[in-house]
Amino acid sequence: DNIINRVPKKGVQIELPRALRDEAVPAIRG
């Protein structure tokens, strides 16, 4: 029932740690 698995070829779920995500706000860097 994951939204990525409701499409014909299924999907990929990527889980990112906070430290990495912090480099996307306010501008994407690093």
PDB file of all heavy atoms in Angstrom:
ATOM      1  N   ASP A   1       0.798  -1.219   0.000  1.00  0.00           N
ATOM      2  CA  ASP A   1       0.000   0.000   0.000  1.00  0.00           C
ATOM      3  C   ASP A   1       0.835   1.276   0.000  1.00  0.00           C
ATOM      4  O   ASP A   1       0.290   2.382  -0.029  1.00  0.00           O
ATOM      5  CB  ASP A   1      -0.938   0.014   1.214  1.00  0.00           C
ATOM      6  CG  ASP A   1      -2.153  -0.881   1.015  1.00  0.00           C
ATOM      7  OD1 ASP A   1      -2.436  -1.234  -0.146  1.00  0.00           O
ATOM      8  OD2 ASP A   1      -2.809  -1.230   2.010  1.00  0.00           O
ATOM      9  N   ASN A   2       2.139   1.135   0.046  1.00  0.00           N
ATOM     10  CA  ASN A   2       3.015   2.297  -0.079  1.00  0.00           C
ATOM     11  C   ASN A   2       2.731   2.977  -1.419  1.00  0.00           C
ATOM     12  O   ASN A   2       2.551   2.310  -2.443  1.00  0.00           O
ATOM     13  CB  ASN A   2       4.473   1.834  -0.018  1.00  0.00           C
ATOM     14  CG  ASN A   2       5.469   2.972   0.108  1.00  0.00           C
ATOM     15  OD1 ASN A   2       5.385   3.970  -0.584  1.00  0.00           O
ATOM     16  ND2 ASN A   2       6.427   2.791   0.992  1.00  0.00           N
ATOM     17  N   ILE A   3       2.711   4.306  -1.444  1.00  0.00           N
ATOM     18  CA  ILE A   3       2.371   5.001  -2.689  1.00  0.00           C
ATOM     19  C   ILE A   3       3.300   4.624  -3.833  1.00  0.00           C
ATOM     20  O   ILE A   3       2.878   4.599  -4.998  1.00  0.00           O
ATOM     21  CB  ILE A   3       2.336   6.536  -2.504  1.00  0.00           C
ATOM     22  CG1 ILE A   3       3.665   7.067  -1.955  1.00  0.00           C
ATOM     23  CG2 ILE A   3       1.176   6.931  -1.601  1.00  0.00           C
ATOM     24  CD1 ILE A   3       3.710   8.588  -1.835  1.00  0.00           C
ATOM     25  N   ILE A   4       4.576   4.299  -3.540  1.00  0.00           N
ATOM     26  CA  ILE A   4       5.498   3.950  -4.623  1.00  0.00           C
ATOM     27  C   ILE A   4       5.180   2.603  -5.239  1.00  0.00           C
ATOM     28  O   ILE A   4       5.602   2.314  -6.363  1.00  0.00           O
ATOM     29  CB  ILE A   4       6.967   3.970  -4.154  1.00  0.00           C
ATOM     30  CG1 ILE A   4       7.215   2.936  -3.052  1.00  0.00           C
ATOM     31  CG2 ILE A   4       7.386   5.362  -3.731  1.00  0.00           C
ATOM     32  CD1 ILE A   4       8.679   2.718  -2.722  1.00  0.00           C
ATOM     33  N   ASN A   5       4.432   1.776  -4.524  1.00  0.00           N
ATOM     34  CA  ASN A   5       4.107   0.439  -5.033  1.00  0.00           C
ATOM     35  C   ASN A   5       2.715   0.357  -5.645  1.00  0.00           C
ATOM     36  O   ASN A   5       2.231  -0.735  -5.931  1.00  0.00           O
ATOM     37  CB  ASN A   5       4.270  -0.592  -3.915  1.00  0.00           C
ATOM     38  CG  ASN A   5       5.720  -0.721  -3.478  1.00  0.00           C
ATOM     39  OD1 ASN A   5       6.622  -0.596  -4.298  1.00  0.00           O
ATOM     40  ND2 ASN A   5       5.935  -0.934  -2.199  1.00  0.00           N
ATOM     41  N   ARG A   6       2.106   1.504  -5.878  1.00  0.00           N
ATOM     42  CA  ARG A   6       0.807   1.551  -6.547  1.00  0.00           C
ATOM     43  C   ARG A   6       0.949   1.939  -8.015  1.00  0.00           C
ATOM     44  O   ARG A   6      -0.034   2.226  -8.685  1.00  0.00           O
ATOM     45  CB  ARG A   6      -0.125   2.549  -5.843  1.00  0.00           C
ATOM     46  CG  ARG A   6      -0.435   2.192  -4.398  1.00  0.00           C
ATOM     47  CD  ARG A   6      -1.399   3.191  -3.792  1.00  0.00           C
ATOM     48  NE  ARG A   6      -1.113   3.420  -2.388  1.00  0.00           N
ATOM     49  CZ  ARG A   6      -1.556   4.456  -1.691  1.00  0.00           C
ATOM     50  NH1 ARG A   6      -2.303   5.378  -2.291  1.00  0.00           N
ATOM     51  NH2 ARG A   6      -1.252   4.593  -0.426  1.00  0.00           N
ATOM     52  N   VAL A   7       2.177   1.973  -8.504  1.00  0.00           N
ATOM     53  CA  VAL A   7       2.427   2.309  -9.905  1.00  0.00           C
ATOM     54  C   VAL A   7       2.903   1.047 -10.625  1.00  0.00           C
ATOM     55  O   VAL A   7       3.357   0.092  -9.984  1.00  0.00           O
ATOM     56  CB  VAL A   7       3.456   3.453 -10.026  1.00  0.00           C
ATOM     57  CG1 VAL A   7       2.996   4.670  -9.235  1.00  0.00           C
ATOM     58  CG2 VAL A   7       4.839   3.013  -9.557  1.00  0.00           C
ATOM     59  N   PRO A   8       2.810   1.003 -11.964  1.00  0.00           N
ATOM     60  CA  PRO A   8       3.051  -0.255 -12.692  1.00  0.00           C
ATOM     61  C   PRO A   8       4.396  -0.918 -12.410  1.00  0.00           C
ATOM     62  O   PRO A   8       4.473  -2.142 -12.255  1.00  0.00           O
ATOM     63  CB  PRO A   8       2.931   0.173 -14.161  1.00  0.00           C
ATOM     64  CG  PRO A   8       1.983   1.323 -14.132  1.00  0.00           C
ATOM     65  CD  PRO A   8       2.290   2.062 -12.863  1.00  0.00           C
ATOM     66  N   LYS A   9       5.476  -0.147 -12.367  1.00  0.00           N
ATOM     67  CA  LYS A   9       6.804  -0.739 -12.178  1.00  0.00           C
ATOM     68  C   LYS A   9       7.329  -0.566 -10.752  1.00  0.00           C
ATOM     69  O   LYS A   9       8.509  -0.760 -10.492  1.00  0.00           O
ATOM     70  CB  LYS A   9       7.792  -0.161 -13.189  1.00  0.00           C
ATOM     71  CG  LYS A   9       7.480  -0.587 -14.624  1.00  0.00           C
ATOM     72  CD  LYS A   9       8.614  -0.249 -15.559  1.00  0.00           C
ATOM     73  CE  LYS A   9       8.368  -0.808 -16.962  1.00  0.00           C
ATOM     74  NZ  LYS A   9       9.483  -0.513 -17.884  1.00  0.00           N
ATOM     75  N   LYS A  10       6.419  -0.222  -9.835  1.00  0.00           N
ATOM     76  CA  LYS A  10       6.753  -0.083  -8.426  1.00  0.00           C
ATOM     77  C   LYS A  10       7.761   1.063  -8.220  1.00  0.00           C
ATOM     78  O   LYS A  10       7.889   1.927  -9.054  1.00  0.00           O
ATOM     79  CB  LYS A  10       7.272  -1.398  -7.828  1.00  0.00           C
ATOM     80  CG  LYS A  10       6.382  -2.584  -8.154  1.00  0.00           C
ATOM     81  CD  LYS A  10       4.945  -2.386  -7.722  1.00  0.00           C
ATOM     82  CE  LYS A  10       4.075  -3.576  -8.084  1.00  0.00           C
ATOM     83  NZ  LYS A  10       2.634  -3.307  -7.859  1.00  0.00           N
ATOM     84  N   GLY A  11       8.461   1.057  -7.088  1.00  0.00           N
ATOM     85  CA  GLY A  11       9.288   2.225  -6.841  1.00  0.00           C
ATOM     86  C   GLY A  11      10.401   2.029  -5.843  1.00  0.00           C
ATOM     87  O   GLY A  11      10.702   0.922  -5.389  1.00  0.00           O
ATOM     88  N   VAL A  12      11.017   3.178  -5.496  1.00  0.00           N
ATOM     89  CA  VAL A  12      12.178   3.249  -4.612  1.00  0.00           C
ATOM     90  C   VAL A  12      11.859   4.234  -3.494  1.00  0.00           C
ATOM     91  O   VAL A  12      11.376   5.333  -3.758  1.00  0.00           O
ATOM     92  CB  VAL A  12      13.428   3.752  -5.369  1.00  0.00           C
ATOM     93  CG1 VAL A  12      14.640   3.794  -4.444  1.00  0.00           C
ATOM     94  CG2 VAL A  12      13.690   2.910  -6.606  1.00  0.00           C
ATOM     95  N   GLN A  13      12.137   3.847  -2.256  1.00  0.00           N
ATOM     96  CA  GLN A  13      11.998   4.755  -1.122  1.00  0.00           C
ATOM     97  C   GLN A  13      13.378   5.088  -0.605  1.00  0.00           C
ATOM     98  O   GLN A  13      14.152   4.203  -0.241  1.00  0.00           O
ATOM     99  CB  GLN A  13      11.156   4.121  -0.017  1.00  0.00           C
ATOM    100  CG  GLN A  13      10.929   5.043   1.184  1.00  0.00           C
ATOM    101  CD  GLN A  13       9.788   4.577   2.054  1.00  0.00           C
ATOM    102  OE1 GLN A  13       8.693   4.290   1.570  1.00  0.00           O
ATOM    103  NE2 GLN A  13      10.021   4.506   3.355  1.00  0.00           N
ATOM    104  N   ILE A  14      13.686   6.389  -0.568  1.00  0.00           N
ATOM    105  CA  ILE A  14      14.982   6.870  -0.109  1.00  0.00           C
ATOM    106  C   ILE A  14      14.785   7.599   1.213  1.00  0.00           C
ATOM    107  O   ILE A  14      13.994   8.535   1.298  1.00  0.00           O
ATOM    108  CB  ILE A  14      15.622   7.805  -1.151  1.00  0.00           C
ATOM    109  CG1 ILE A  14      15.860   7.052  -2.471  1.00  0.00           C
ATOM    110  CG2 ILE A  14      16.923   8.399  -0.624  1.00  0.00           C
ATOM    111  CD1 ILE A  14      16.281   7.941  -3.614  1.00  0.00           C
ATOM    112  N   GLU A  15      15.493   7.151   2.242  1.00  0.00           N
ATOM    113  CA  GLU A  15      15.406   7.735   3.579  1.00  0.00           C
ATOM    114  C   GLU A  15      16.720   8.449   3.891  1.00  0.00           C
ATOM    115  O   GLU A  15      17.773   7.823   3.968  1.00  0.00           O
ATOM    116  CB  GLU A  15      15.130   6.656   4.618  1.00  0.00           C
ATOM    117  CG  GLU A  15      13.767   5.992   4.495  1.00  0.00           C
ATOM    118  CD  GLU A  15      12.661   6.792   5.176  1.00  0.00           C
ATOM    119  OE1 GLU A  15      12.988   7.815   5.830  1.00  0.00           O
ATOM    120  OE2 GLU A  15      11.479   6.392   5.047  1.00  0.00           O
ATOM    121  N   LEU A  16      16.631   9.761   4.086  1.00  0.00           N
ATOM    122  CA  LEU A  16      17.819  10.583   4.265  1.00  0.00           C
ATOM    123  C   LEU A  16      17.966  11.040   5.715  1.00  0.00           C
ATOM    124  O   LEU A  16      16.996  11.473   6.334  1.00  0.00           O
ATOM    125  CB  LEU A  16      17.732  11.822   3.365  1.00  0.00           C
ATOM    126  CG  LEU A  16      17.540  11.560   1.871  1.00  0.00           C
ATOM    127  CD1 LEU A  16      17.319  12.884   1.143  1.00  0.00           C
ATOM    128  CD2 LEU A  16      18.734  10.819   1.300  1.00  0.00           C
ATOM    129  N   PRO A  17      19.178  10.983   6.268  1.00  0.00           N
ATOM    130  CA  PRO A  17      19.395  11.470   7.627  1.00  0.00           C
ATOM    131  C   PRO A  17      19.280  12.992   7.696  1.00  0.00           C
ATOM    132  O   PRO A  17      19.451  13.691   6.695  1.00  0.00           O
ATOM    133  CB  PRO A  17      20.822  11.004   7.947  1.00  0.00           C
ATOM    134  CG  PRO A  17      21.492  10.910   6.618  1.00  0.00           C
ATOM    135  CD  PRO A  17      20.416  10.468   5.655  1.00  0.00           C
ATOM    136  N   ARG A  18      19.010  13.479   8.891  1.00  0.00           N
ATOM    137  CA  ARG A  18      18.780  14.910   9.057  1.00  0.00           C
ATOM    138  C   ARG A  18      19.981  15.755   8.645  1.00  0.00           C
ATOM    139  O   ARG A  18      19.822  16.818   8.030  1.00  0.00           O
ATOM    140  CB  ARG A  18      18.399  15.205  10.518  1.00  0.00           C
ATOM    141  CG  ARG A  18      18.083  16.678  10.799  1.00  0.00           C
ATOM    142  CD  ARG A  18      16.893  17.162   9.982  1.00  0.00           C
ATOM    143  NE  ARG A  18      16.691  18.582  10.084  1.00  0.00           N
ATOM    144  CZ  ARG A  18      15.752  19.154  10.854  1.00  0.00           C
ATOM    145  NH1 ARG A  18      14.964  18.400  11.603  1.00  0.00           N
ATOM    146  NH2 ARG A  18      15.598  20.453  10.883  1.00  0.00           N
ATOM    147  N   ALA A  19      21.183  15.311   8.977  1.00  0.00           N
ATOM    148  CA  ALA A  19      22.368  16.101   8.650  1.00  0.00           C
ATOM    149  C   ALA A  19      22.478  16.359   7.149  1.00  0.00           C
ATOM    150  O   ALA A  19      22.835  17.458   6.715  1.00  0.00           O
ATOM    151  CB  ALA A  19      23.628  15.397   9.161  1.00  0.00           C
ATOM    152  N   LEU A  20      22.154  15.353   6.348  1.00  0.00           N
ATOM    153  CA  LEU A  20      22.199  15.518   4.894  1.00  0.00           C
ATOM    154  C   LEU A  20      21.082  16.458   4.439  1.00  0.00           C
ATOM    155  O   LEU A  20      21.294  17.346   3.620  1.00  0.00           O
ATOM    156  CB  LEU A  20      22.085  14.151   4.211  1.00  0.00           C
ATOM    157  CG  LEU A  20      22.485  14.068   2.735  1.00  0.00           C
ATOM    158  CD1 LEU A  20      22.757  12.622   2.352  1.00  0.00           C
ATOM    159  CD2 LEU A  20      21.425  14.648   1.810  1.00  0.00           C
ATOM    160  N   ARG A  21      19.891  16.273   5.004  1.00  0.00           N
ATOM    161  CA  ARG A  21      18.760  17.124   4.612  1.00  0.00           C
ATOM    162  C   ARG A  21      18.970  18.581   4.988  1.00  0.00           C
ATOM    163  O   ARG A  21      18.475  19.487   4.308  1.00  0.00           O
ATOM    164  CB  ARG A  21      17.469  16.587   5.241  1.00  0.00           C
ATOM    165  CG  ARG A  21      17.033  15.260   4.658  1.00  0.00           C
ATOM    166  CD  ARG A  21      15.721  14.789   5.236  1.00  0.00           C
ATOM    167  NE  ARG A  21      15.833  14.226   6.569  1.00  0.00           N
ATOM    168  CZ  ARG A  21      15.241  14.685   7.658  1.00  0.00           C
ATOM    169  NH1 ARG A  21      14.472  15.776   7.585  1.00  0.00           N
ATOM    170  NH2 ARG A  21      15.386  14.089   8.822  1.00  0.00           N
ATOM    171  N   ASP A  22      19.709  18.813   6.066  1.00  0.00           N
ATOM    172  CA  ASP A  22      19.989  20.194   6.477  1.00  0.00           C
ATOM    173  C   ASP A  22      20.773  20.948   5.412  1.00  0.00           C
ATOM    174  O   ASP A  22      20.735  22.188   5.370  1.00  0.00           O
ATOM    175  CB  ASP A  22      20.774  20.202   7.790  1.00  0.00           C
ATOM    176  CG  ASP A  22      19.884  19.943   8.998  1.00  0.00           C
ATOM    177  OD1 ASP A  22      18.643  20.022   8.858  1.00  0.00           O
ATOM    178  OD2 ASP A  22      20.426  19.652  10.082  1.00  0.00           O
ATOM    179  N   GLU A  23      21.466  20.211   4.538  1.00  0.00           N
ATOM    180  CA  GLU A  23      22.225  20.856   3.458  1.00  0.00           C
ATOM    181  C   GLU A  23      21.356  21.175   2.239  1.00  0.00           C
ATOM    182  O   GLU A  23      21.873  21.635   1.222  1.00  0.00           O
ATOM    183  CB  GLU A  23      23.412  19.975   3.064  1.00  0.00           C
ATOM    184  CG  GLU A  23      24.448  19.828   4.173  1.00  0.00           C
ATOM    185  CD  GLU A  23      25.725  19.181   3.691  1.00  0.00           C
ATOM    186  OE1 GLU A  23      26.583  19.892   3.113  1.00  0.00           O
ATOM    187  OE2 GLU A  23      25.873  17.958   3.887  1.00  0.00           O
ATOM    188  N   ALA A  24      20.056  20.932   2.367  1.00  0.00           N
ATOM    189  CA  ALA A  24      19.130  21.286   1.289  1.00  0.00           C
ATOM    190  C   ALA A  24      18.296  22.512   1.632  1.00  0.00           C
ATOM    191  O   ALA A  24      17.502  22.976   0.813  1.00  0.00           O
ATOM    192  CB  ALA A  24      18.198  20.108   0.986  1.00  0.00           C
ATOM    193  N   VAL A  25      18.446  23.039   2.839  1.00  0.00           N
ATOM    194  CA  VAL A  25      17.660  24.176   3.311  1.00  0.00           C
ATOM    195  C   VAL A  25      18.599  25.218   3.907  1.00  0.00           C
ATOM    196  O   VAL A  25      19.461  24.882   4.718  1.00  0.00           O
ATOM    197  CB  VAL A  25      16.645  23.715   4.393  1.00  0.00           C
ATOM    198  CG1 VAL A  25      15.797  24.888   4.859  1.00  0.00           C
ATOM    199  CG2 VAL A  25      15.753  22.593   3.869  1.00  0.00           C
ATOM    200  N   PRO A  26      18.489  26.509   3.526  1.00  0.00           N
ATOM    201  CA  PRO A  26      17.524  27.059   2.572  1.00  0.00           C
ATOM    202  C   PRO A  26      17.934  26.893   1.109  1.00  0.00           C
ATOM    203  O   PRO A  26      17.136  27.100   0.218  1.00  0.00           O
ATOM    204  CB  PRO A  26      17.490  28.539   2.964  1.00  0.00           C
ATOM    205  CG  PRO A  26      18.882  28.817   3.459  1.00  0.00           C
ATOM    206  CD  PRO A  26      19.318  27.561   4.151  1.00  0.00           C
ATOM    207  N   ALA A  27      19.186  26.534   0.875  1.00  0.00           N
ATOM    208  CA  ALA A  27      19.645  26.318  -0.499  1.00  0.00           C
ATOM    209  C   ALA A  27      20.398  24.996  -0.552  1.00  0.00           C
ATOM    210  O   ALA A  27      21.078  24.612   0.406  1.00  0.00           O
ATOM    211  CB  ALA A  27      20.559  27.453  -0.947  1.00  0.00           C
ATOM    212  N   ILE A  28      20.276  24.307  -1.684  1.00  0.00           N
ATOM    213  CA  ILE A  28      20.926  22.999  -1.826  1.00  0.00           C
ATOM    214  C   ILE A  28      22.427  23.176  -2.010  1.00  0.00           C
ATOM    215  O   ILE A  28      22.881  23.935  -2.861  1.00  0.00           O
ATOM    216  CB  ILE A  28      20.307  22.226  -3.003  1.00  0.00           C
ATOM    217  CG1 ILE A  28      18.847  21.887  -2.684  1.00  0.00           C
ATOM    218  CG2 ILE A  28      21.092  20.954  -3.301  1.00  0.00           C
ATOM    219  CD1 ILE A  28      18.108  21.223  -3.802  1.00  0.00           C
ATOM    220  N   ARG A  29      23.184  22.452  -1.185  1.00  0.00           N
ATOM    221  CA  ARG A  29      24.641  22.602  -1.195  1.00  0.00           C
ATOM    222  C   ARG A  29      25.275  21.315  -0.685  1.00  0.00           C
ATOM    223  O   ARG A  29      24.576  20.406  -0.225  1.00  0.00           O
ATOM    224  CB  ARG A  29      25.053  23.785  -0.303  1.00  0.00           C
ATOM    225  CG  ARG A  29      24.677  23.583   1.163  1.00  0.00           C
ATOM    226  CD  ARG A  29      24.628  24.887   1.948  1.00  0.00           C
ATOM    227  NE  ARG A  29      24.370  24.645   3.367  1.00  0.00           N
ATOM    228  CZ  ARG A  29      23.155  24.423   3.871  1.00  0.00           C
ATOM    229  NH1 ARG A  29      22.091  24.403   3.085  1.00  0.00           N
ATOM    230  NH2 ARG A  29      23.011  24.230   5.169  1.00  0.00           N
ATOM    231  N   GLY A  30      26.578  21.228  -0.757  1.00  0.00           N
ATOM    232  CA  GLY A  30      27.322  20.131  -0.168  1.00  0.00           C
ATOM    233  C   GLY A  30      26.829  18.757  -0.605  1.00  0.00           C
ATOM    234  O   GLY A  30      26.610  18.488  -1.792  1.00  0.00           O
TER     235      GLY A  30
END
